Protein backbone atom coordinates (compact mmCIF):
# COMPACT_ATOMS: atom_id res chain seq x y z
CA SER A 1 -29.86 -112.70 -75.43
CA LEU A 2 -26.55 -111.32 -75.79
CA ALA A 3 -26.01 -113.53 -78.37
CA ASP A 4 -28.31 -112.12 -80.86
CA LEU A 5 -27.06 -108.66 -80.85
CA GLU A 6 -26.17 -107.17 -83.89
CA PRO A 7 -22.49 -107.94 -85.20
CA GLN A 8 -21.60 -104.47 -85.54
CA ARG A 9 -23.36 -103.22 -82.28
CA PRO A 10 -21.10 -103.24 -79.28
CA VAL A 11 -22.30 -105.04 -76.00
CA LYS A 12 -23.18 -102.20 -73.46
CA ILE A 13 -22.10 -103.26 -69.73
CA LEU A 14 -22.70 -101.58 -66.50
CA GLU A 15 -21.30 -102.52 -63.16
CA ILE A 16 -23.16 -101.12 -60.13
CA GLY A 17 -21.30 -100.57 -56.94
CA ALA A 18 -17.92 -101.29 -58.64
CA GLY A 19 -16.14 -99.87 -55.79
CA THR A 20 -12.61 -100.91 -55.87
CA GLY A 21 -12.78 -102.71 -58.98
CA GLY A 22 -12.36 -106.05 -57.75
CA THR A 23 -14.81 -107.59 -60.06
CA SER A 24 -14.09 -105.42 -62.97
CA SER A 25 -10.24 -106.44 -62.63
CA GLN A 26 -11.49 -110.21 -63.47
CA ILE A 27 -13.83 -109.20 -66.17
CA LEU A 28 -12.11 -106.55 -68.29
CA PRO A 29 -9.20 -108.71 -69.65
CA ARG A 30 -11.78 -110.76 -71.05
CA LEU A 31 -13.66 -108.59 -72.83
CA SER A 32 -13.25 -107.47 -76.47
CA PRO A 33 -12.16 -103.82 -76.60
CA GLU A 34 -13.66 -103.45 -80.22
CA ARG A 35 -17.14 -105.21 -79.17
CA THR A 36 -17.65 -103.80 -75.62
CA GLU A 37 -18.74 -100.77 -73.97
CA TYR A 38 -18.10 -100.87 -69.97
CA VAL A 39 -19.56 -98.29 -67.51
CA PHE A 40 -17.97 -98.45 -64.28
CA THR A 41 -20.14 -96.89 -61.47
CA ASP A 42 -20.29 -96.31 -57.64
CA VAL A 43 -21.69 -93.77 -55.48
CA SER A 44 -18.53 -92.41 -54.48
CA GLU A 45 -16.71 -90.31 -56.91
CA LEU A 46 -13.47 -91.30 -55.21
CA PHE A 47 -13.60 -94.88 -56.51
CA THR A 48 -14.24 -93.78 -60.04
CA ARG A 49 -11.40 -91.63 -59.82
CA LYS A 50 -9.45 -94.32 -58.70
CA ALA A 51 -10.69 -96.79 -60.98
CA LYS A 52 -10.02 -94.34 -64.13
CA GLN A 53 -6.10 -94.46 -62.93
CA LYS A 54 -6.27 -98.36 -62.32
CA PHE A 55 -8.04 -99.15 -65.70
CA ASN A 56 -6.73 -96.71 -67.70
CA HIS A 57 -5.29 -99.32 -70.26
CA TYR A 58 -8.71 -100.22 -71.22
CA PRO A 59 -10.10 -97.53 -73.47
CA PHE A 60 -13.70 -99.00 -73.73
CA VAL A 61 -14.32 -98.22 -70.23
CA ARG A 62 -16.00 -95.08 -69.06
CA TYR A 63 -16.76 -94.26 -65.41
CA GLY A 64 -19.50 -92.46 -63.49
CA VAL A 65 -21.43 -91.73 -60.34
CA LEU A 66 -24.56 -93.62 -60.07
CA ASP A 67 -26.79 -94.00 -56.74
CA ILE A 68 -29.05 -97.02 -57.87
CA GLU A 69 -31.42 -96.22 -55.08
CA GLN A 70 -32.24 -92.94 -57.19
CA ASP A 71 -33.88 -92.87 -60.61
CA PRO A 72 -31.30 -93.34 -62.83
CA ALA A 73 -32.64 -91.00 -65.67
CA LEU A 74 -32.22 -88.01 -63.15
CA GLN A 75 -28.48 -89.04 -62.88
CA GLY A 76 -27.91 -88.87 -66.60
CA PHE A 77 -28.63 -92.55 -67.48
CA ALA A 78 -30.81 -93.23 -70.28
CA THR A 79 -33.35 -95.74 -70.18
CA GLY A 80 -32.76 -99.05 -72.02
CA GLN A 81 -29.30 -98.73 -72.91
CA PHE A 82 -27.63 -101.82 -71.08
CA ASP A 83 -27.32 -105.29 -72.46
CA LEU A 84 -25.69 -106.45 -69.19
CA ILE A 85 -25.56 -105.27 -65.67
CA LEU A 86 -23.24 -106.58 -62.94
CA ALA A 87 -23.67 -106.07 -59.24
CA ALA A 88 -21.43 -107.59 -56.75
CA ASN A 89 -22.33 -107.91 -53.28
CA VAL A 90 -23.98 -104.27 -53.58
CA VAL A 91 -27.78 -104.72 -53.79
CA HIS A 92 -28.33 -106.01 -50.36
CA ALA A 93 -27.11 -102.58 -48.96
CA THR A 94 -29.76 -100.70 -50.46
CA GLN A 95 -32.89 -99.67 -48.51
CA ASP A 96 -35.51 -101.09 -50.48
CA LEU A 97 -34.81 -103.98 -52.90
CA ARG A 98 -37.81 -103.55 -55.20
CA VAL A 99 -37.08 -100.23 -55.77
CA THR A 100 -33.39 -101.03 -56.77
CA MET A 101 -34.30 -103.83 -58.75
CA ASP A 102 -37.10 -101.59 -60.78
CA HIS A 103 -34.06 -98.96 -61.35
CA ILE A 104 -31.63 -101.81 -62.52
CA ARG A 105 -34.50 -102.72 -64.76
CA GLN A 106 -34.90 -99.15 -66.46
CA LEU A 107 -31.65 -99.34 -67.60
CA LEU A 108 -31.90 -102.70 -69.46
CA THR A 109 -32.41 -103.29 -72.81
CA PRO A 110 -35.43 -105.38 -73.54
CA HIS A 111 -33.42 -108.67 -73.72
CA GLY A 112 -30.88 -107.61 -71.23
CA VAL A 113 -29.25 -109.62 -68.63
CA VAL A 114 -28.59 -108.84 -64.75
CA VAL A 115 -25.98 -110.67 -62.99
CA LEU A 116 -26.05 -110.62 -59.15
CA LEU A 117 -23.51 -111.73 -56.84
CA GLU A 118 -25.37 -111.72 -53.46
CA GLY A 119 -25.06 -113.44 -49.92
CA ALA A 120 -28.20 -115.52 -49.12
CA ARG A 121 -27.83 -116.76 -45.94
CA PRO A 122 -27.79 -114.75 -42.95
CA GLN A 123 -24.75 -115.75 -40.82
CA ARG A 124 -23.39 -114.16 -37.27
CA TRP A 125 -20.15 -114.00 -38.59
CA LEU A 126 -21.23 -111.69 -41.49
CA ASP A 127 -23.17 -109.45 -38.79
CA LEU A 128 -20.06 -109.34 -36.83
CA ILE A 129 -17.73 -108.04 -39.80
CA PHE A 130 -20.27 -105.72 -41.69
CA GLY A 131 -22.49 -105.00 -38.93
CA MET A 132 -20.84 -102.02 -38.08
CA THR A 133 -20.70 -100.54 -41.56
CA GLU A 134 -23.21 -97.90 -43.22
CA GLY A 135 -24.84 -100.33 -45.28
CA TRP A 136 -25.67 -103.11 -43.48
CA TRP A 137 -28.55 -102.57 -41.19
CA ARG A 138 -30.12 -99.50 -43.69
CA PHE A 139 -32.99 -101.56 -45.04
CA THR A 140 -36.41 -100.51 -44.80
CA ASP A 141 -38.27 -103.02 -46.78
CA THR A 142 -38.89 -105.14 -43.40
CA GLU A 143 -41.97 -107.03 -44.88
CA LEU A 144 -39.15 -108.83 -46.89
CA ARG A 145 -36.08 -108.86 -45.00
CA PRO A 146 -37.54 -108.52 -41.42
CA HIS A 147 -33.97 -109.29 -39.44
CA ASN A 148 -31.07 -109.03 -41.83
CA PRO A 149 -30.12 -107.53 -45.42
CA LEU A 150 -29.78 -110.97 -46.91
CA ILE A 151 -32.73 -112.99 -48.30
CA SER A 152 -33.02 -116.19 -49.54
CA PRO A 153 -32.42 -117.76 -53.09
CA ARG A 154 -36.06 -118.19 -53.11
CA GLN A 155 -36.75 -114.93 -51.84
CA TRP A 156 -34.77 -113.49 -54.58
CA ILE A 157 -36.51 -115.54 -57.22
CA GLN A 158 -39.85 -114.47 -56.41
CA LEU A 159 -38.84 -110.71 -55.63
CA LEU A 160 -36.99 -110.50 -59.07
CA GLU A 161 -40.35 -112.17 -60.94
CA ASP A 162 -42.47 -109.62 -59.11
CA CYS A 163 -40.42 -106.92 -60.58
CA GLY A 164 -40.91 -107.99 -63.91
CA TYR A 165 -37.65 -110.28 -64.64
CA GLU A 166 -37.87 -113.03 -66.88
CA GLN A 167 -36.28 -116.31 -66.01
CA ALA A 168 -34.52 -115.28 -62.76
CA VAL A 169 -32.19 -118.15 -61.74
CA ALA A 170 -30.39 -118.89 -58.49
CA MET A 171 -26.85 -120.42 -58.64
CA PRO A 172 -26.03 -122.98 -57.86
CA GLU A 173 -29.60 -124.25 -58.99
CA GLU A 174 -30.08 -126.37 -56.27
CA ALA A 175 -30.36 -123.42 -54.09
CA ALA A 176 -33.24 -121.88 -55.87
CA GLU A 177 -35.58 -124.66 -54.91
CA ASP A 178 -37.94 -124.82 -58.12
CA SER A 179 -37.00 -121.17 -59.29
CA THR A 180 -38.39 -120.89 -62.41
CA SER A 181 -40.58 -118.32 -64.04
CA ALA A 182 -44.03 -118.89 -65.65
CA THR A 183 -44.67 -115.63 -67.07
CA GLY A 184 -43.67 -116.35 -70.54
CA ASP A 185 -42.91 -112.72 -71.33
CA VAL A 186 -39.80 -113.05 -73.85
CA THR A 187 -39.01 -109.40 -73.55
CA ALA A 188 -38.71 -109.31 -70.02
CA PRO A 189 -34.63 -108.76 -68.78
CA HIS A 190 -33.03 -112.20 -67.41
CA VAL A 191 -31.44 -112.26 -63.95
CA VAL A 192 -29.13 -114.65 -62.72
CA VAL A 193 -28.55 -114.37 -58.92
CA VAL A 194 -25.26 -115.73 -57.59
CA VAL A 195 -25.75 -116.89 -54.23
CA VAL A 196 -22.86 -117.81 -51.56
């Protein structure tokens, strides 16, 4: 866990699909500059350039372009380097959730943690608002998502366990409906899926 890190080693955090920095702006002020390395990424260089200006008073932040649907190693991201990976409302917009979660897992340290913030209940108003955006309907994993890009908490837990994540938990926990892992692999990365 993150609490077990060596005291002299900084916590390495990666934010995927950081966009306009809404999540970053809430997290960065709460981090210790001496103990943190934070990498702000998005598929668009426009967002990373704007973020560099917006967060220039945080010297521990680096910026980069990352398309999590593609192999991170081919984009200059070394395997097993991040202790914590954050992704807020971005993973559902990828074509294949299994491929995406495998790429995320490649980037984690052995005891790393992933925190996803994802909608988990298809609602018509979401389709009306986001249905015209490029990413909403581009999913190709129709055996998992036959009609909508969002999946239930139970499906998230199962998917993450199938991808080798340990102790996947949906929050609020009652949304997960018996979501504990039984693999017992203590070196597998952990995931918290925050469902809304």
